[in-house]
Amino acid sequence: FIATTVDLLTTGVDVPIVQNIVFFKYVRSPIAFYQMIGRGTRLYAPTGKLMFRVYDYTDATRLFGEKFKTKFTPRKAKEGEPPPSPPSEPTIVVEGFEIHITDAGRYIVTEVDGKAVPVTIEEYKERLAARLVEEAPTLDEFRSRWIVPAKRSELIAQMPDAGRSVIIVQRVEDMSEYDLYDVLAELGYGMSPRTRSERAEAFTYKNQKWLSELPVSAAATLKAMAAQFARAGTDSLENPNIFKIPEVVQAGGLAALKQLGNPADILLRTKERMFAA
């Protein structure tokens, strides 16, 4: 039979016979990742175990080599000295909401049933994910709404805290290098997120055949626009000023896209490919 656990075998457990570490869970903490990997590093003489395997379905192994910080422990006060004052509770403000960081975890003060109450970040993310999936049950439906500006704005407005919850999660999870599309796709549908740069590179790589069949100037323009996405995300693709950016102008610009038909239709197809990459 197959036995599964949640966070019961990640730390403080010594089972030397373990030969396979399988990641189905998304992990962001390097400390937690190294602890999980550590379960497989024990040698086991009875079976001659000298190695173990890691099966990674969530890109957890990207954390190999990541640095992590240990918690600072203040020195004990000498006899006769007053005890050191406890450090103040770190607080950051995102979109007008206070994020508090304590030894017990992180929580946000938000409105629940008309009252301001502290909610853990994990619970806050669960509420956001549930609302997202309620509005767009599948990743394909979410993507189809995301690429249309009006539908995207409507979708975000339906999220908790008048849509500000999306930016709050992006900030507290240190995902500033990720487009909001990837923040939500990971949260609601378990998709492994890509940074904006990674998504732009994937777009170019996975669409080589399509791009090679386009007029040279049109393909160059779309690649230049993908580079702008890498810098500023979805909104940059829909900003009319994108066709005034020197790199886009030099590639061929709006005139190059008109070779393919209606530029708005070309942009929509490009976004479909960008977010499917």
Protein backbone atom coordinates (compact mmCIF):
# COMPACT_ATOMS: atom_id res chain seq x y z
CA PHE A 1 0.00 0.00 0.00
CA ILE A 2 1.01 3.65 -0.28
CA ALA A 3 1.17 5.79 2.85
CA THR A 4 1.17 9.56 2.54
CA THR A 5 1.80 12.26 5.13
CA VAL A 6 1.79 16.03 5.22
CA ASP A 7 4.87 17.60 6.84
CA LEU A 8 5.43 14.61 9.15
CA LEU A 9 8.67 13.36 7.61
CA THR A 10 10.28 16.65 6.64
CA THR A 11 12.39 17.42 9.71
CA GLY A 12 13.74 15.67 12.79
CA VAL A 13 13.14 12.16 11.45
CA ASP A 14 15.88 9.59 10.86
CA VAL A 15 14.78 6.80 8.51
CA PRO A 16 18.04 5.70 6.85
CA ILE A 17 16.35 3.23 4.51
CA VAL A 18 14.60 6.05 2.58
CA GLN A 19 15.74 5.90 -1.05
CA ASN A 20 13.31 8.22 -2.85
CA ILE A 21 12.34 11.83 -2.12
CA VAL A 22 9.33 12.96 -4.18
CA PHE A 23 8.24 16.60 -4.35
CA PHE A 24 4.57 17.13 -5.10
CA LYS A 25 4.42 20.14 -2.80
CA TYR A 26 5.55 23.63 -3.82
CA VAL A 27 8.43 24.68 -1.57
CA ARG A 28 9.83 28.20 -1.30
CA SER A 29 11.90 27.94 1.87
CA PRO A 30 15.51 26.83 1.27
CA ILE A 31 15.67 25.70 4.90
CA ALA A 32 12.62 23.45 4.52
CA PHE A 33 13.95 22.16 1.19
CA TYR A 34 17.33 21.14 2.62
CA GLN A 35 15.59 19.48 5.57
CA MET A 36 13.45 17.44 3.18
CA ILE A 37 16.44 16.45 1.06
CA GLY A 38 18.25 15.48 4.25
CA ARG A 39 15.80 12.61 4.82
CA GLY A 40 17.49 10.72 2.00
CA THR A 41 21.14 11.41 2.81
CA ARG A 42 21.55 8.70 5.48
CA LEU A 43 23.61 5.64 4.57
CA TYR A 44 22.06 2.24 5.29
CA ALA A 45 24.49 -0.66 5.58
CA PRO A 46 21.96 -3.56 5.61
CA THR A 47 20.91 -2.77 2.03
CA GLY A 48 24.16 -1.21 0.90
CA LYS A 49 22.44 2.14 0.33
CA LEU A 50 24.95 4.66 -0.99
CA MET A 51 22.61 6.98 -2.90
CA PHE A 52 19.04 8.23 -3.09
CA ARG A 53 16.83 9.67 -5.82
CA VAL A 54 14.91 12.94 -5.98
CA TYR A 55 11.74 13.11 -8.09
CA ASP A 56 10.79 16.76 -8.56
CA TYR A 57 7.35 17.63 -9.93
CA THR A 58 7.24 21.20 -8.57
CA ASP A 59 10.66 22.64 -9.47
CA ALA A 60 11.72 22.42 -5.82
CA THR A 61 15.31 21.60 -6.81
CA ARG A 62 15.71 25.19 -7.99
CA LEU A 63 16.48 25.84 -4.30
CA PHE A 64 19.78 23.94 -4.48
CA GLY A 65 22.49 26.48 -3.74
CA GLU A 66 20.08 29.08 -2.32
CA LYS A 67 21.33 30.86 0.78
CA PHE A 68 19.26 31.01 3.92
CA LYS A 69 19.45 32.97 7.13
CA THR A 70 19.37 31.57 10.62
CA LYS A 71 17.41 33.30 13.31
CA PHE A 72 19.42 35.74 15.42
CA THR A 73 19.59 34.82 19.11
CA PRO A 74 20.35 37.79 21.37
CA ARG A 75 22.94 37.33 24.11
CA LYS A 76 21.72 36.67 27.62
CA ALA A 77 21.87 39.57 30.03
CA LYS A 78 24.60 39.43 32.65
CA GLU A 79 23.67 39.30 36.30
CA GLY A 80 22.49 42.71 37.42
CA GLU A 81 21.78 43.90 33.89
CA PRO A 82 18.20 44.49 32.78
CA PRO A 83 17.05 41.87 30.27
CA PRO A 84 17.28 42.98 26.65
CA SER A 85 14.10 44.40 25.20
CA PRO A 86 12.32 42.03 22.84
CA PRO A 87 12.60 43.09 19.23
CA SER A 88 9.64 44.99 17.90
CA GLU A 89 7.26 43.02 15.74
CA PRO A 90 8.15 43.67 12.08
CA THR A 91 5.27 45.23 10.19
CA ILE A 92 5.04 46.11 6.52
CA VAL A 93 2.20 47.84 4.72
CA VAL A 94 1.06 46.61 1.30
CA GLU A 95 -1.79 48.29 -0.54
CA GLY A 96 -2.93 49.81 2.76
CA PHE A 97 -2.96 46.46 4.60
CA GLU A 98 -0.67 45.71 7.54
CA ILE A 99 1.41 42.53 7.33
CA HIS A 100 2.73 41.43 10.74
CA ILE A 101 5.62 39.00 11.12
CA THR A 102 5.94 37.09 14.39
CA ASP A 103 7.66 33.93 15.63
CA ALA A 104 4.33 32.18 15.13
CA GLY A 105 4.17 33.20 11.48
CA ARG A 106 2.88 35.97 9.25
CA TYR A 107 -0.59 37.40 9.33
CA ILE A 108 -2.53 40.21 7.71
CA VAL A 109 -5.19 42.41 9.23
CA THR A 110 -8.14 42.19 6.86
CA GLU A 111 -11.92 42.40 6.97
CA VAL A 112 -13.89 39.25 7.79
CA ASP A 113 -17.66 39.50 8.22
CA GLY A 114 -17.36 43.26 8.48
CA LYS A 115 -14.69 43.20 11.21
CA ALA A 116 -10.95 43.82 11.02
CA VAL A 117 -9.27 40.61 12.18
CA PRO A 118 -5.79 39.08 11.84
CA VAL A 119 -5.65 36.26 9.30
CA THR A 120 -2.59 34.11 8.62
CA ILE A 121 -1.01 34.57 5.21
CA GLU A 122 -1.73 30.92 4.37
CA GLU A 123 -5.42 31.35 5.18
CA TYR A 124 -5.47 34.59 3.20
CA LYS A 125 -3.98 32.79 0.18
CA GLU A 126 -6.51 29.98 0.53
CA ARG A 127 -9.35 32.50 0.45
CA LEU A 128 -7.89 34.10 -2.66
CA ALA A 129 -7.38 30.73 -4.38
CA ALA A 130 -10.93 29.61 -3.58
CA ARG A 131 -12.38 32.84 -4.96
CA LEU A 132 -10.25 32.59 -8.10
CA VAL A 133 -11.31 29.02 -8.87
CA GLU A 134 -14.92 29.95 -8.19
CA GLU A 135 -14.69 32.65 -10.87
CA ALA A 136 -12.52 30.67 -13.32
CA PRO A 137 -12.74 26.91 -12.60
CA THR A 138 -9.90 25.86 -14.93
CA LEU A 139 -6.48 27.16 -15.90
CA ASP A 140 -7.58 27.42 -19.54
CA GLU A 141 -10.57 29.56 -18.59
CA PHE A 142 -8.38 31.72 -16.36
CA ARG A 143 -5.90 32.22 -19.21
CA SER A 144 -8.64 33.09 -21.70
CA ARG A 145 -9.93 35.80 -19.37
CA TRP A 146 -6.48 37.08 -18.46
CA ILE A 147 -5.49 37.98 -22.02
CA VAL A 148 -8.52 40.26 -22.51
CA PRO A 149 -7.97 43.51 -20.55
CA ALA A 150 -11.62 44.13 -19.64
CA LYS A 151 -12.18 40.53 -18.53
CA ARG A 152 -8.93 40.54 -16.57
CA SER A 153 -9.88 43.73 -14.73
CA GLU A 154 -13.30 42.28 -13.95
CA LEU A 155 -11.73 39.05 -12.66
CA ILE A 156 -9.23 40.83 -10.42
CA ALA A 157 -11.97 43.07 -9.03
CA GLN A 158 -13.83 39.94 -7.89
CA MET A 159 -10.90 38.84 -5.72
CA PRO A 160 -10.86 39.54 -1.95
CA ASP A 161 -10.20 43.08 -0.75
CA ALA A 162 -11.35 44.56 -4.06
CA GLY A 163 -8.58 42.83 -5.97
CA ARG A 164 -5.74 44.15 -3.84
CA SER A 165 -5.23 40.66 -2.43
CA VAL A 166 -3.41 39.66 -5.63
CA ILE A 167 -0.73 42.34 -5.18
CA ILE A 168 -0.54 41.63 -1.44
CA VAL A 169 0.28 37.96 -2.06
CA GLN A 170 2.80 38.92 -4.75
CA ARG A 171 4.59 41.21 -2.29
CA VAL A 172 4.56 39.03 0.83
CA GLU A 173 5.70 35.98 -1.14
CA ASP A 174 8.56 37.98 -2.67
CA MET A 175 7.32 37.40 -6.22
CA SER A 176 8.04 40.83 -7.68
CA GLU A 177 9.87 39.16 -10.59
CA TYR A 178 6.69 37.25 -11.50
CA ASP A 179 3.73 38.56 -13.47
CA LEU A 180 0.44 38.52 -11.58
CA TYR A 181 -0.68 35.83 -14.03
CA ASP A 182 1.90 33.42 -12.61
CA VAL A 183 1.14 34.43 -9.02
CA LEU A 184 -2.51 33.48 -9.50
CA ALA A 185 -1.88 30.45 -11.71
CA GLU A 186 0.32 28.89 -9.04
CA LEU A 187 -2.09 29.75 -6.25
CA GLY A 188 -5.29 28.58 -7.90
CA TYR A 189 -4.21 25.79 -10.24
CA GLY A 190 -0.87 24.52 -8.92
CA MET A 191 1.06 25.67 -11.99
CA SER A 192 4.80 25.98 -11.55
CA PRO A 193 5.37 29.75 -11.88
CA ARG A 194 7.82 31.40 -14.26
CA THR A 195 9.44 34.77 -13.74
CA ARG A 196 8.65 37.34 -16.41
CA SER A 197 12.08 36.77 -17.97
CA GLU A 198 11.60 32.99 -17.96
CA ARG A 199 8.17 33.32 -19.56
CA ALA A 200 9.49 35.63 -22.28
CA GLU A 201 12.32 33.19 -23.02
CA ALA A 202 9.90 30.25 -23.07
CA PHE A 203 7.65 32.16 -25.49
CA THR A 204 10.53 32.68 -27.93
CA TYR A 205 11.83 29.12 -27.59
CA LYS A 206 8.51 27.28 -27.80
CA ASN A 207 7.25 29.38 -30.71
CA GLN A 208 10.37 29.21 -32.88
CA LYS A 209 8.52 27.50 -35.73
CA TRP A 210 5.62 29.98 -35.66
CA LEU A 211 7.96 32.97 -35.51
CA SER A 212 10.15 31.61 -38.32
CA GLU A 213 7.12 31.50 -40.63
CA LEU A 214 6.34 35.19 -40.09
CA PRO A 215 7.93 38.09 -41.99
CA VAL A 216 11.31 38.83 -40.45
CA SER A 217 10.32 42.30 -39.21
CA ALA A 218 7.08 41.00 -37.66
CA ALA A 219 8.90 38.21 -35.82
CA ALA A 220 11.54 40.67 -34.61
CA THR A 221 8.81 43.01 -33.36
CA LEU A 222 7.10 40.24 -31.39
CA LYS A 223 10.42 39.24 -29.83
CA ALA A 224 11.06 42.87 -28.88
CA MET A 225 7.61 43.02 -27.31
CA ALA A 226 8.35 39.82 -25.38
CA ALA A 227 11.45 41.55 -24.03
CA GLN A 228 9.22 44.37 -22.78
CA PHE A 229 7.01 41.79 -21.06
CA ALA A 230 10.12 40.48 -19.29
CA ARG A 231 10.64 43.97 -17.87
CA ALA A 232 7.11 45.00 -16.92
CA GLY A 233 4.63 42.15 -17.44
CA THR A 234 1.16 41.97 -18.96
CA ASP A 235 0.39 45.68 -18.82
CA SER A 236 3.43 46.50 -20.95
CA LEU A 237 2.05 44.45 -23.85
CA GLU A 238 -1.19 46.42 -23.81
CA ASN A 239 0.31 49.88 -23.40
CA PRO A 240 0.02 51.78 -26.72
CA ASN A 241 3.38 53.38 -25.97
CA ILE A 242 5.06 50.01 -26.51
CA PHE A 243 5.23 50.91 -30.21
CA LYS A 244 7.29 54.00 -29.32
CA ILE A 245 9.98 52.04 -27.48
CA PRO A 246 13.23 52.18 -29.51
CA GLU A 247 13.79 48.39 -29.54
CA VAL A 248 10.27 47.79 -30.86
CA VAL A 249 10.51 50.60 -33.40
CA GLN A 250 13.86 49.34 -34.68
CA ALA A 251 12.46 45.82 -35.06
CA GLY A 252 9.67 47.05 -37.31
CA GLY A 253 7.04 48.27 -34.88
CA LEU A 254 3.35 48.64 -35.61
CA ALA A 255 3.86 48.66 -39.37
CA ALA A 256 5.48 45.23 -39.16
CA LEU A 257 2.51 43.76 -37.29
CA LYS A 258 0.09 45.20 -39.85
CA GLN A 259 1.66 42.84 -42.38
CA LEU A 260 -0.06 40.04 -40.47
CA GLY A 261 -3.48 41.69 -40.22
CA ASN A 262 -5.18 43.56 -37.40
CA PRO A 263 -2.47 44.32 -34.78
CA ALA A 264 -5.02 43.84 -31.98
CA ASP A 265 -5.70 40.29 -33.17
CA ILE A 266 -1.98 39.59 -33.47
CA LEU A 267 -1.43 40.86 -29.93
CA LEU A 268 -4.21 38.63 -28.61
CA ARG A 269 -2.68 35.55 -30.28
CA THR A 270 0.73 36.54 -28.95
CA LYS A 271 -0.60 36.74 -25.39
CA GLU A 272 -2.25 33.34 -25.80
CA ARG A 273 1.13 31.88 -26.71
CA MET A 274 2.96 33.87 -24.05
CA PHE A 275 0.85 32.58 -21.18
CA ALA A 276 0.71 29.03 -22.53
CA ALA A 277 4.52 28.88 -22.76
